[in-house]
Amino acid sequence: MRDRTWLAAGLCALVAAIALSAGSRAAPRFAITSTSVELPYDETAYPEGPGAEVMNANCASCHSASMVLLQPRLSREQWTGIVRKMRDVYRAPVADEDVPAIIDYLAKLSPS
């Protein structure tokens, strides 16, 4: 019984020492600062045609035309999945009625 008392007292002392040492950590030796970066302006436009206006209205706020035009050639089904992901996962504010025009436009850019 006496051994258990000493064991319990030792564990309490150990826990207290750990708790006290946790509060005495040294301040970090670095400073967190903000940095401003100016990205180059991309003048590339979506190619004219049916759906270009819908692309500019819905997609250009997040994706430059260059970014979209440099994507691998994808099928209509793949673009459908990507547009669905943009709306459902990333919450892109694209109206239901604009989705078919966006998919048609992207699919024509990427003939399969």
PDB file of N, CA and C in Angstrom:
ATOM      1  N   MET A   1       0.816  -1.191   0.000  1.00  0.00           N
ATOM      2  CA  MET A   1       0.000   0.000   0.000  1.00  0.00           C
ATOM      3  C   MET A   1       0.865   1.263   0.000  1.00  0.00           C
ATOM      4  N   ARG A   2       1.942   1.191   0.770  1.00  0.00           N
ATOM      5  CA  ARG A   2       2.830   2.329   0.876  1.00  0.00           C
ATOM      6  C   ARG A   2       3.489   2.634  -0.468  1.00  0.00           C
ATOM      7  N   ASP A   3       3.809   1.574  -1.230  1.00  0.00           N
ATOM      8  CA  ASP A   3       4.414   1.765  -2.550  1.00  0.00           C
ATOM      9  C   ASP A   3       3.456   2.480  -3.496  1.00  0.00           C
ATOM     10  N   ARG A   4       2.192   2.157  -3.379  1.00  0.00           N
ATOM     11  CA  ARG A   4       1.190   2.819  -4.242  1.00  0.00           C
ATOM     12  C   ARG A   4       1.084   4.304  -3.911  1.00  0.00           C
ATOM     13  N   THR A   5       1.175   4.635  -2.662  1.00  0.00           N
ATOM     14  CA  THR A   5       1.106   6.037  -2.255  1.00  0.00           C
ATOM     15  C   THR A   5       2.282   6.807  -2.845  1.00  0.00           C
ATOM     16  N   TRP A   6       3.478   6.231  -2.750  1.00  0.00           N
ATOM     17  CA  TRP A   6       4.648   6.879  -3.318  1.00  0.00           C
ATOM     18  C   TRP A   6       4.553   6.980  -4.839  1.00  0.00           C
ATOM     19  N   LEU A   7       4.014   5.945  -5.448  1.00  0.00           N
ATOM     20  CA  LEU A   7       3.844   5.959  -6.907  1.00  0.00           C
ATOM     21  C   LEU A   7       2.869   7.054  -7.321  1.00  0.00           C
ATOM     22  N   ALA A   8       1.753   7.162  -6.610  1.00  0.00           N
ATOM     23  CA  ALA A   8       0.760   8.198  -6.913  1.00  0.00           C
ATOM     24  C   ALA A   8       1.351   9.583  -6.699  1.00  0.00           C
ATOM     25  N   ALA A   9       2.102   9.767  -5.617  1.00  0.00           N
ATOM     26  CA  ALA A   9       2.720  11.066  -5.343  1.00  0.00           C
ATOM     27  C   ALA A   9       3.747  11.408  -6.425  1.00  0.00           C
ATOM     28  N   GLY A  10       4.503  10.411  -6.843  1.00  0.00           N
ATOM     29  CA  GLY A  10       5.487  10.637  -7.898  1.00  0.00           C
ATOM     30  C   GLY A  10       4.842  11.017  -9.218  1.00  0.00           C
ATOM     31  N   LEU A  11       3.758  10.339  -9.560  1.00  0.00           N
ATOM     32  CA  LEU A  11       3.040  10.673 -10.798  1.00  0.00           C
ATOM     33  C   LEU A  11       2.460  12.079 -10.737  1.00  0.00           C
ATOM     34  N   CYS A  12       1.913  12.455  -9.579  1.00  0.00           N
ATOM     35  CA  CYS A  12       1.370  13.814  -9.427  1.00  0.00           C
ATOM     36  C   CYS A  12       2.476  14.852  -9.595  1.00  0.00           C
ATOM     37  N   ALA A  13       3.632  14.594  -9.013  1.00  0.00           N
ATOM     38  CA  ALA A  13       4.755  15.524  -9.142  1.00  0.00           C
ATOM     39  C   ALA A  13       5.212  15.635 -10.589  1.00  0.00           C
ATOM     40  N   LEU A  14       5.244  14.510 -11.287  1.00  0.00           N
ATOM     41  CA  LEU A  14       5.643  14.514 -12.687  1.00  0.00           C
ATOM     42  C   LEU A  14       4.663  15.316 -13.539  1.00  0.00           C
ATOM     43  N   VAL A  15       3.374  15.097 -13.330  1.00  0.00           N
ATOM     44  CA  VAL A  15       2.346  15.837 -14.076  1.00  0.00           C
ATOM     45  C   VAL A  15       2.447  17.320 -13.774  1.00  0.00           C
ATOM     46  N   ALA A  16       2.667  17.686 -12.518  1.00  0.00           N
ATOM     47  CA  ALA A  16       2.788  19.094 -12.146  1.00  0.00           C
ATOM     48  C   ALA A  16       4.012  19.723 -12.803  1.00  0.00           C
ATOM     49  N   ALA A  17       5.116  18.999 -12.839  1.00  0.00           N
ATOM     50  CA  ALA A  17       6.331  19.527 -13.464  1.00  0.00           C
ATOM     51  C   ALA A  17       6.130  19.751 -14.959  1.00  0.00           C
ATOM     52  N   ILE A  18       5.462  18.820 -15.603  1.00  0.00           N
ATOM     53  CA  ILE A  18       5.191  18.964 -17.040  1.00  0.00           C
ATOM     54  C   ILE A  18       4.274  20.153 -17.290  1.00  0.00           C
ATOM     55  N   ALA A  19       3.243  20.293 -16.474  1.00  0.00           N
ATOM     56  CA  ALA A  19       2.297  21.399 -16.641  1.00  0.00           C
ATOM     57  C   ALA A  19       2.984  22.739 -16.428  1.00  0.00           C
ATOM     58  N   LEU A  20       3.846  22.830 -15.433  1.00  0.00           N
ATOM     59  CA  LEU A  20       4.540  24.088 -15.166  1.00  0.00           C
ATOM     60  C   LEU A  20       5.549  24.428 -16.256  1.00  0.00           C
ATOM     61  N   SER A  21       6.213  23.437 -16.804  1.00  0.00           N
ATOM     62  CA  SER A  21       7.209  23.713 -17.839  1.00  0.00           C
ATOM     63  C   SER A  21       6.567  24.089 -19.166  1.00  0.00           C
ATOM     64  N   ALA A  22       5.333  23.676 -19.382  1.00  0.00           N
ATOM     65  CA  ALA A  22       4.651  23.999 -20.641  1.00  0.00           C
ATOM     66  C   ALA A  22       4.406  25.490 -20.769  1.00  0.00           C
ATOM     67  N   GLY A  23       4.201  26.185 -19.659  1.00  0.00           N
ATOM     68  CA  GLY A  23       3.931  27.616 -19.699  1.00  0.00           C
ATOM     69  C   GLY A  23       5.180  28.460 -19.839  1.00  0.00           C
ATOM     70  N   SER A  24       6.353  27.888 -19.718  1.00  0.00           N
ATOM     71  CA  SER A  24       7.583  28.675 -19.734  1.00  0.00           C
ATOM     72  C   SER A  24       8.358  28.532 -21.040  1.00  0.00           C
ATOM     73  N   ARG A  25       7.664  28.370 -22.123  1.00  0.00           N
ATOM     74  CA  ARG A  25       8.347  28.242 -23.417  1.00  0.00           C
ATOM     75  C   ARG A  25       8.866  29.595 -23.867  1.00  0.00           C
ATOM     76  N   ALA A  26      10.003  29.573 -24.504  1.00  0.00           N
ATOM     77  CA  ALA A  26      10.607  30.804 -25.005  1.00  0.00           C
ATOM     78  C   ALA A  26       9.825  31.315 -26.209  1.00  0.00           C
ATOM     79  N   ALA A  27       9.867  32.613 -26.388  1.00  0.00           N
ATOM     80  CA  ALA A  27       9.198  33.223 -27.536  1.00  0.00           C
ATOM     81  C   ALA A  27       9.894  32.778 -28.819  1.00  0.00           C
ATOM     82  N   PRO A  28       9.144  32.605 -29.909  1.00  0.00           N
ATOM     83  CA  PRO A  28       9.771  32.191 -31.168  1.00  0.00           C
ATOM     84  C   PRO A  28      10.774  33.247 -31.642  1.00  0.00           C
ATOM     85  N   ARG A  29      11.789  32.807 -32.361  1.00  0.00           N
ATOM     86  CA  ARG A  29      12.841  33.702 -32.834  1.00  0.00           C
ATOM     87  C   ARG A  29      12.566  34.219 -34.238  1.00  0.00           C
ATOM     88  N   PHE A  30      11.332  34.286 -34.613  1.00  0.00           N
ATOM     89  CA  PHE A  30      10.978  34.784 -35.936  1.00  0.00           C
ATOM     90  C   PHE A  30       9.731  35.639 -35.813  1.00  0.00           C
ATOM     91  N   ALA A  31       9.533  36.458 -36.796  1.00  0.00           N
ATOM     92  CA  ALA A  31       8.355  37.320 -36.825  1.00  0.00           C
ATOM     93  C   ALA A  31       7.522  36.970 -38.047  1.00  0.00           C
ATOM     94  N   ILE A  32       6.239  36.952 -37.867  1.00  0.00           N
ATOM     95  CA  ILE A  32       5.324  36.694 -38.976  1.00  0.00           C
ATOM     96  C   ILE A  32       4.956  38.037 -39.589  1.00  0.00           C
ATOM     97  N   THR A  33       5.175  38.160 -40.883  1.00  0.00           N
ATOM     98  CA  THR A  33       4.862  39.407 -41.573  1.00  0.00           C
ATOM     99  C   THR A  33       4.011  39.118 -42.801  1.00  0.00           C
ATOM    100  N   SER A  34       3.308  40.118 -43.251  1.00  0.00           N
ATOM    101  CA  SER A  34       2.500  40.003 -44.464  1.00  0.00           C
ATOM    102  C   SER A  34       3.319  40.489 -45.651  1.00  0.00           C
ATOM    103  N   THR A  35       3.113  39.842 -46.772  1.00  0.00           N
ATOM    104  CA  THR A  35       3.796  40.240 -47.995  1.00  0.00           C
ATOM    105  C   THR A  35       2.763  40.410 -49.089  1.00  0.00           C
ATOM    106  N   SER A  36       2.895  41.458 -49.837  1.00  0.00           N
ATOM    107  CA  SER A  36       1.989  41.714 -50.943  1.00  0.00           C
ATOM    108  C   SER A  36       2.681  41.318 -52.242  1.00  0.00           C
ATOM    109  N   VAL A  37       1.966  40.594 -53.071  1.00  0.00           N
ATOM    110  CA  VAL A  37       2.516  40.149 -54.344  1.00  0.00           C
ATOM    111  C   VAL A  37       1.603  40.640 -55.454  1.00  0.00           C
ATOM    112  N   GLU A  38       2.179  41.252 -56.464  1.00  0.00           N
ATOM    113  CA  GLU A  38       1.388  41.705 -57.603  1.00  0.00           C
ATOM    114  C   GLU A  38       1.628  40.747 -58.761  1.00  0.00           C
ATOM    115  N   LEU A  39       0.580  40.060 -59.158  1.00  0.00           N
ATOM    116  CA  LEU A  39       0.681  39.098 -60.248  1.00  0.00           C
ATOM    117  C   LEU A  39       0.524  39.808 -61.588  1.00  0.00           C
ATOM    118  N   PRO A  40       1.144  39.295 -62.622  1.00  0.00           N
ATOM    119  CA  PRO A  40       1.015  39.938 -63.933  1.00  0.00           C
ATOM    120  C   PRO A  40      -0.414  39.835 -64.451  1.00  0.00           C
ATOM    121  N   TYR A  41      -0.823  40.851 -65.153  1.00  0.00           N
ATOM    122  CA  TYR A  41      -2.164  40.868 -65.728  1.00  0.00           C
ATOM    123  C   TYR A  41      -2.193  39.965 -66.955  1.00  0.00           C
ATOM    124  N   ASP A  42      -3.224  39.156 -67.049  1.00  0.00           N
ATOM    125  CA  ASP A  42      -3.373  38.242 -68.184  1.00  0.00           C
ATOM    126  C   ASP A  42      -4.436  38.815 -69.116  1.00  0.00           C
ATOM    127  N   GLU A  43      -4.037  39.194 -70.303  1.00  0.00           N
ATOM    128  CA  GLU A  43      -4.959  39.814 -71.252  1.00  0.00           C
ATOM    129  C   GLU A  43      -5.657  38.817 -72.160  1.00  0.00           C
ATOM    130  N   THR A  44      -5.374  37.535 -71.984  1.00  0.00           N
ATOM    131  CA  THR A  44      -5.996  36.519 -72.825  1.00  0.00           C
ATOM    132  C   THR A  44      -7.501  36.512 -72.583  1.00  0.00           C
ATOM    133  N   ALA A  45      -8.260  36.447 -73.662  1.00  0.00           N
ATOM    134  CA  ALA A  45      -9.718  36.414 -73.550  1.00  0.00           C
ATOM    135  C   ALA A  45     -10.226  35.041 -73.972  1.00  0.00           C
ATOM    136  N   TYR A  46     -11.400  34.697 -73.481  1.00  0.00           N
ATOM    137  CA  TYR A  46     -12.032  33.466 -73.952  1.00  0.00           C
ATOM    138  C   TYR A  46     -12.356  33.652 -75.430  1.00  0.00           C
ATOM    139  N   PRO A  47     -12.076  32.658 -76.263  1.00  0.00           N
ATOM    140  CA  PRO A  47     -12.397  32.778 -77.686  1.00  0.00           C
ATOM    141  C   PRO A  47     -13.889  33.064 -77.883  1.00  0.00           C
ATOM    142  N   GLU A  48     -14.181  33.958 -78.810  1.00  0.00           N
ATOM    143  CA  GLU A  48     -15.576  34.312 -79.106  1.00  0.00           C
ATOM    144  C   GLU A  48     -16.354  33.092 -79.558  1.00  0.00           C
ATOM    145  N   GLY A  49     -17.628  33.130 -79.313  1.00  0.00           N
ATOM    146  CA  GLY A  49     -18.496  32.040 -79.725  1.00  0.00           C
ATOM    147  C   GLY A  49     -19.583  31.828 -78.698  1.00  0.00           C
ATOM    148  N   PRO A  50     -20.515  30.932 -79.001  1.00  0.00           N
ATOM    149  CA  PRO A  50     -21.593  30.661 -78.062  1.00  0.00           C
ATOM    150  C   PRO A  50     -21.019  30.189 -76.721  1.00  0.00           C
ATOM    151  N   GLY A  51     -21.395  30.868 -75.671  1.00  0.00           N
ATOM    152  CA  GLY A  51     -20.944  30.500 -74.339  1.00  0.00           C
ATOM    153  C   GLY A  51     -19.819  31.363 -73.793  1.00  0.00           C
ATOM    154  N   ALA A  52     -19.149  32.137 -74.647  1.00  0.00           N
ATOM    155  CA  ALA A  52     -18.038  32.969 -74.175  1.00  0.00           C
ATOM    156  C   ALA A  52     -18.515  33.984 -73.144  1.00  0.00           C
ATOM    157  N   GLU A  53     -19.683  34.554 -73.385  1.00  0.00           N
ATOM    158  CA  GLU A  53     -20.234  35.538 -72.458  1.00  0.00           C
ATOM    159  C   GLU A  53     -20.549  34.899 -71.103  1.00  0.00           C
ATOM    160  N   VAL A  54     -21.097  33.686 -71.134  1.00  0.00           N
ATOM    161  CA  VAL A  54     -21.420  32.966 -69.897  1.00  0.00           C
ATOM    162  C   VAL A  54     -20.129  32.611 -69.156  1.00  0.00           C
ATOM    163  N   MET A  55     -19.087  32.243 -69.887  1.00  0.00           N
ATOM    164  CA  MET A  55     -17.793  31.947 -69.268  1.00  0.00           C
ATOM    165  C   MET A  55     -17.237  33.191 -68.578  1.00  0.00           C
ATOM    166  N   ASN A  56     -17.290  34.327 -69.273  1.00  0.00           N
ATOM    167  CA  ASN A  56     -16.797  35.567 -68.676  1.00  0.00           C
ATOM    168  C   ASN A  56     -17.594  35.945 -67.440  1.00  0.00           C
ATOM    169  N   ALA A  57     -18.895  35.749 -67.484  1.00  0.00           N
ATOM    170  CA  ALA A  57     -19.751  36.126 -66.359  1.00  0.00           C
ATOM    171  C   ALA A  57     -19.587  35.199 -65.162  1.00  0.00           C
ATOM    172  N   ASN A  58     -19.302  33.925 -65.399  1.00  0.00           N
ATOM    173  CA  ASN A  58     -19.288  32.950 -64.306  1.00  0.00           C
ATOM    174  C   ASN A  58     -17.910  32.438 -63.920  1.00  0.00           C
ATOM    175  N   CYS A  59     -17.019  32.310 -64.857  1.00  0.00           N
ATOM    176  CA  CYS A  59     -15.757  31.608 -64.598  1.00  0.00           C
ATOM    177  C   CYS A  59     -14.559  32.542 -64.467  1.00  0.00           C
ATOM    178  N   ALA A  60     -14.602  33.683 -65.158  1.00  0.00           N
ATOM    179  CA  ALA A  60     -13.438  34.570 -65.214  1.00  0.00           C
ATOM    180  C   ALA A  60     -13.109  35.210 -63.873  1.00  0.00           C
ATOM    181  N   SER A  61     -14.034  35.225 -62.935  1.00  0.00           N
ATOM    182  CA  SER A  61     -13.725  35.822 -61.634  1.00  0.00           C
ATOM    183  C   SER A  61     -12.705  34.989 -60.865  1.00  0.00           C
ATOM    184  N   CYS A  62     -12.620  33.698 -61.163  1.00  0.00           N
ATOM    185  CA  CYS A  62     -11.647  32.821 -60.487  1.00  0.00           C
ATOM    186  C   CYS A  62     -10.584  32.270 -61.433  1.00  0.00           C
ATOM    187  N   HIS A  63     -10.935  32.076 -62.705  1.00  0.00           N
ATOM    188  CA  HIS A  63     -10.035  31.418 -63.655  1.00  0.00           C
ATOM    189  C   HIS A  63      -9.766  32.328 -64.841  1.00  0.00           C
ATOM    190  N   SER A  64      -8.485  32.599 -65.086  1.00  0.00           N
ATOM    191  CA  SER A  64      -8.158  33.369 -66.282  1.00  0.00           C
ATOM    192  C   SER A  64      -8.437  32.501 -67.505  1.00  0.00           C
ATOM    193  N   ALA A  65      -8.645  33.153 -68.626  1.00  0.00           N
ATOM    194  CA  ALA A  65      -8.865  32.400 -69.861  1.00  0.00           C
ATOM    195  C   ALA A  65      -7.644  31.534 -70.164  1.00  0.00           C
ATOM    196  N   SER A  66      -6.446  32.057 -69.911  1.00  0.00           N
ATOM    197  CA  SER A  66      -5.227  31.269 -70.154  1.00  0.00           C
ATOM    198  C   SER A  66      -5.234  29.983 -69.352  1.00  0.00           C
ATOM    199  N   MET A  67      -5.631  30.081 -68.098  1.00  0.00           N
ATOM    200  CA  MET A  67      -5.656  28.893 -67.245  1.00  0.00           C
ATOM    201  C   MET A  67      -6.604  27.845 -67.813  1.00  0.00           C
ATOM    202  N   VAL A  68      -7.774  28.282 -68.243  1.00  0.00           N
ATOM    203  CA  VAL A  68      -8.764  27.351 -68.796  1.00  0.00           C
ATOM    204  C   VAL A  68      -8.289  26.795 -70.133  1.00  0.00           C
ATOM    205  N   LEU A  69      -7.754  27.650 -70.979  1.00  0.00           N
ATOM    206  CA  LEU A  69      -7.343  27.227 -72.320  1.00  0.00           C
ATOM    207  C   LEU A  69      -6.123  26.305 -72.305  1.00  0.00           C
ATOM    208  N   LEU A  70      -5.363  26.322 -71.229  1.00  0.00           N
ATOM    209  CA  LEU A  70      -4.184  25.461 -71.132  1.00  0.00           C
ATOM    210  C   LEU A  70      -4.468  24.122 -70.457  1.00  0.00           C
ATOM    211  N   GLN A  71      -5.723  23.870 -70.132  1.00  0.00           N
ATOM    212  CA  GLN A  71      -6.074  22.591 -69.514  1.00  0.00           C
ATOM    213  C   GLN A  71      -5.949  21.461 -70.530  1.00  0.00           C
ATOM    214  N   PRO A  72      -5.732  20.246 -70.047  1.00  0.00           N
ATOM    215  CA  PRO A  72      -5.696  19.103 -70.971  1.00  0.00           C
ATOM    216  C   PRO A  72      -7.032  18.971 -71.694  1.00  0.00           C
ATOM    217  N   ARG A  73      -7.012  18.362 -72.842  1.00  0.00           N
ATOM    218  CA  ARG A  73      -8.240  18.140 -73.607  1.00  0.00           C
ATOM    219  C   ARG A  73      -9.106  17.145 -72.847  1.00  0.00           C
ATOM    220  N   LEU A  74     -10.299  17.572 -72.504  1.00  0.00           N
ATOM    221  CA  LEU A  74     -11.205  16.743 -71.712  1.00  0.00           C
ATOM    222  C   LEU A  74     -12.494  16.480 -72.470  1.00  0.00           C
ATOM    223  N   SER A  75     -13.137  15.405 -72.128  1.00  0.00           N
ATOM    224  CA  SER A  75     -14.418  15.059 -72.753  1.00  0.00           C
ATOM    225  C   SER A  75     -15.544  15.868 -72.109  1.00  0.00           C
ATOM    226  N   ARG A  76     -16.700  15.837 -72.742  1.00  0.00           N
ATOM    227  CA  ARG A  76     -17.884  16.505 -72.195  1.00  0.00           C
ATOM    228  C   ARG A  76     -18.194  15.977 -70.791  1.00  0.00           C
ATOM    229  N   GLU A  77     -18.077  14.669 -70.604  1.00  0.00           N
ATOM    230  CA  GLU A  77     -18.369  14.073 -69.300  1.00  0.00           C
ATOM    231  C   GLU A  77     -17.387  14.575 -68.241  1.00  0.00           C
ATOM    232  N   GLN A  78     -16.124  14.698 -68.618  1.00  0.00           N
ATOM    233  CA  GLN A  78     -15.130  15.197 -67.669  1.00  0.00           C
ATOM    234  C   GLN A  78     -15.395  16.654 -67.303  1.00  0.00           C
ATOM    235  N   TRP A  79     -15.736  17.475 -68.308  1.00  0.00           N
ATOM    236  CA  TRP A  79     -16.051  18.873 -68.018  1.00  0.00           C
ATOM    237  C   TRP A  79     -17.308  18.979 -67.162  1.00  0.00           C
ATOM    238  N   THR A  80     -18.273  18.101 -67.402  1.00  0.00           N
ATOM    239  CA  THR A  80     -19.488  18.104 -66.576  1.00  0.00           C
ATOM    240  C   THR A  80     -19.118  17.859 -65.118  1.00  0.00           C
ATOM    241  N   GLY A  81     -18.242  16.898 -64.878  1.00  0.00           N
ATOM    242  CA  GLY A  81     -17.802  16.613 -63.515  1.00  0.00           C
ATOM    243  C   GLY A  81     -17.056  17.778 -62.885  1.00  0.00           C
ATOM    244  N   ILE A  82     -16.230  18.451 -63.677  1.00  0.00           N
ATOM    245  CA  ILE A  82     -15.464  19.583 -63.153  1.00  0.00           C
ATOM    246  C   ILE A  82     -16.388  20.750 -62.820  1.00  0.00           C
ATOM    247  N   VAL A  83     -17.330  21.049 -63.702  1.00  0.00           N
ATOM    248  CA  VAL A  83     -18.270  22.141 -63.434  1.00  0.00           C
ATOM    249  C   VAL A  83     -19.115  21.801 -62.204  1.00  0.00           C
ATOM    250  N   ARG A  84     -19.538  20.564 -62.083  1.00  0.00           N
ATOM    251  CA  ARG A  84     -20.307  20.135 -60.905  1.00  0.00           C
ATOM    252  C   ARG A  84     -19.469  20.329 -59.635  1.00  0.00           C
ATOM    253  N   LYS A  85     -18.184  19.949 -59.700  1.00  0.00           N
ATOM    254  CA  LYS A  85     -17.297  20.116 -58.542  1.00  0.00           C
ATOM    255  C   LYS A  85     -17.144  21.594 -58.186  1.00  0.00           C
ATOM    256  N   MET A  86     -16.997  22.452 -59.194  1.00  0.00           N
ATOM    257  CA  MET A  86     -16.854  23.885 -58.925  1.00  0.00           C
ATOM    258  C   MET A  86     -18.070  24.425 -58.167  1.00  0.00           C
ATOM    259  N   ARG A  87     -19.243  23.954 -58.533  1.00  0.00           N
ATOM    260  CA  ARG A  87     -20.469  24.417 -57.874  1.00  0.00           C
ATOM    261  C   ARG A  87     -20.663  23.764 -56.510  1.00  0.00           C
ATOM    262  N   ASP A  88     -20.523  22.438 -56.450  1.00  0.00           N
ATOM    263  CA  ASP A  88     -20.875  21.706 -55.234  1.00  0.00           C
ATOM    264  C   ASP A  88     -19.796  21.765 -54.157  1.00  0.00           C
ATOM    265  N   VAL A  89     -18.542  21.667 -54.561  1.00  0.00           N
ATOM    266  CA  VAL A  89     -17.457  21.628 -53.580  1.00  0.00           C
ATOM    267  C   VAL A  89     -16.932  23.030 -53.285  1.00  0.00           C
ATOM    268  N   TYR A  90     -16.652  23.793 -54.344  1.00  0.00           N
ATOM    269  CA  TYR A  90     -16.061  25.118 -54.165  1.00  0.00           C
ATOM    270  C   TYR A  90     -17.101  26.234 -54.101  1.00  0.00           C
ATOM    271  N   ARG A  91     -18.360  25.872 -54.224  1.00  0.00           N
ATOM    272  CA  ARG A  91     -19.483  26.814 -54.099  1.00  0.00           C
ATOM    273  C   ARG A  91     -19.425  27.961 -55.104  1.00  0.00           C
ATOM    274  N   ALA A  92     -19.026  27.665 -56.326  1.00  0.00           N
ATOM    275  CA  ALA A  92     -19.040  28.679 -57.381  1.00  0.00           C
ATOM    276  C   ALA A  92     -20.489  29.109 -57.617  1.00  0.00           C
ATOM    277  N   PRO A  93     -20.755  30.406 -57.617  1.00  0.00           N
ATOM    278  CA  PRO A  93     -22.129  30.890 -57.770  1.00  0.00           C
ATOM    279  C   PRO A  93     -22.582  30.885 -59.229  1.00  0.00           C
ATOM    280  N   VAL A  94     -22.740  29.702 -59.781  1.00  0.00           N
ATOM    281  CA  VAL A  94     -23.155  29.540 -61.177  1.00  0.00           C
ATOM    282  C   VAL A  94     -24.616  29.106 -61.181  1.00  0.00           C
ATOM    283  N   ALA A  95     -25.443  29.852 -61.904  1.00  0.00           N
ATOM    284  CA  ALA A  95     -26.870  29.534 -61.980  1.00  0.00           C
ATOM    285  C   ALA A  95     -27.088  28.232 -62.748  1.00  0.00           C
ATOM    286  N   ASP A  96     -28.111  27.498 -62.357  1.00  0.00           N
ATOM    287  CA  ASP A  96     -28.433  26.227 -63.020  1.00  0.00           C
ATOM    288  C   ASP A  96     -28.555  26.394 -64.532  1.00  0.00           C
ATOM    289  N   GLU A  97     -29.171  27.486 -64.954  1.00  0.00           N
ATOM    290  CA  GLU A  97     -29.403  27.674 -66.391  1.00  0.00           C
ATOM    291  C   GLU A  97     -28.123  27.986 -67.165  1.00  0.00           C
ATOM    292  N   ASP A  98     -27.045  28.376 -66.479  1.00  0.00           N
ATOM    293  CA  ASP A  98     -25.778  28.661 -67.158  1.00  0.00           C
ATOM    294  C   ASP A  98     -24.894  27.424 -67.330  1.00  0.00           C
ATOM    295  N   VAL A  99     -25.156  26.386 -66.560  1.00  0.00           N
ATOM    296  CA  VAL A  99     -24.302  25.192 -66.577  1.00  0.00           C
ATOM    297  C   VAL A  99     -24.211  24.553 -67.962  1.00  0.00           C
ATOM    298  N   PRO A 100     -25.321  24.302 -68.669  1.00  0.00           N
ATOM    299  CA  PRO A 100     -25.197  23.671 -69.990  1.00  0.00           C
ATOM    300  C   PRO A 100     -24.349  24.486 -70.971  1.00  0.00           C
ATOM    301  N   ALA A 101     -24.496  25.812 -70.954  1.00  0.00           N
ATOM    302  CA  ALA A 101     -23.714  26.654 -71.868  1.00  0.00           C
ATOM    303  C   ALA A 101     -22.224  26.589 -71.534  1.00  0.00           C
ATOM    304  N   ILE A 102     -21.891  26.535 -70.254  1.00  0.00           N
ATOM    305  CA  ILE A 102     -20.484  26.435 -69.843  1.00  0.00           C
ATOM    306  C   ILE A 102     -19.902  25.105 -70.301  1.00  0.00           C
ATOM    307  N   ILE A 103     -20.636  24.030 -70.062  1.00  0.00           N
ATOM    308  CA  ILE A 103     -20.154  22.702 -70.460  1.00  0.00           C
ATOM    309  C   ILE A 103     -20.014  22.616 -71.974  1.00  0.00           C
ATOM    310  N   ASP A 104     -20.989  23.139 -72.717  1.00  0.00           N
ATOM    311  CA  ASP A 104     -20.901  23.138 -74.185  1.00  0.00           C
ATOM    312  C   ASP A 104     -19.658  23.892 -74.653  1.00  0.00           C
ATOM    313  N   TYR A 105     -19.421  25.059 -74.059  1.00  0.00           N
ATOM    314  CA  TYR A 105     -18.279  25.879 -74.447  1.00  0.00           C
ATOM    315  C   TYR A 105     -16.971  25.138 -74.186  1.00  0.00           C
ATOM    316  N   LEU A 106     -16.834  24.593 -72.988  1.00  0.00           N
ATOM    317  CA  LEU A 106     -15.604  23.882 -72.628  1.00  0.00           C
ATOM    318  C   LEU A 106     -15.402  22.633 -73.481  1.00  0.00           C
ATOM    319  N   ALA A 107     -16.487  21.926 -73.764  1.00  0.00           N
ATOM    320  CA  ALA A 107     -16.384  20.702 -74.572  1.00  0.00           C
ATOM    321  C   ALA A 107     -15.953  21.026 -75.999  1.00  0.00           C
ATOM    322  N   LYS A 108     -16.380  22.174 -76.534  1.00  0.00           N
ATOM    323  CA  LYS A 108     -15.971  22.562 -77.886  1.00  0.00           C
ATOM    324  C   LYS A 108     -14.501  22.979 -77.929  1.00  0.00           C
ATOM    325  N   LEU A 109     -13.992  23.482 -76.805  1.00  0.00           N
ATOM    326  CA  LEU A 109     -12.568  23.811 -76.732  1.00  0.00           C
ATOM    327  C   LEU A 109     -11.719  22.556 -76.691  1.00  0.00           C
ATOM    328  N   SER A 110     -12.325  21.477 -76.224  1.00  0.00           N
ATOM    329  CA  SER A 110     -11.604  20.218 -76.013  1.00  0.00           C
ATOM    330  C   SER A 110     -12.243  19.089 -76.794  1.00  0.00           C
ATOM    331  N   PRO A 111     -12.128  19.098 -78.102  1.00  0.00           N
ATOM    332  CA  PRO A 111     -12.770  18.012 -78.850  1.00  0.00           C
ATOM    333  C   PRO A 111     -12.166  16.666 -78.468  1.00  0.00           C
ATOM    334  N   SER A 112     -13.054  15.683 -78.261  1.00  0.00           N
ATOM    335  CA  SER A 112     -12.550  14.352 -77.888  1.00  0.00           C
ATOM    336  C   SER A 112     -12.812  13.352 -78.983  1.00  0.00           C
TER     337      SER A 112
END
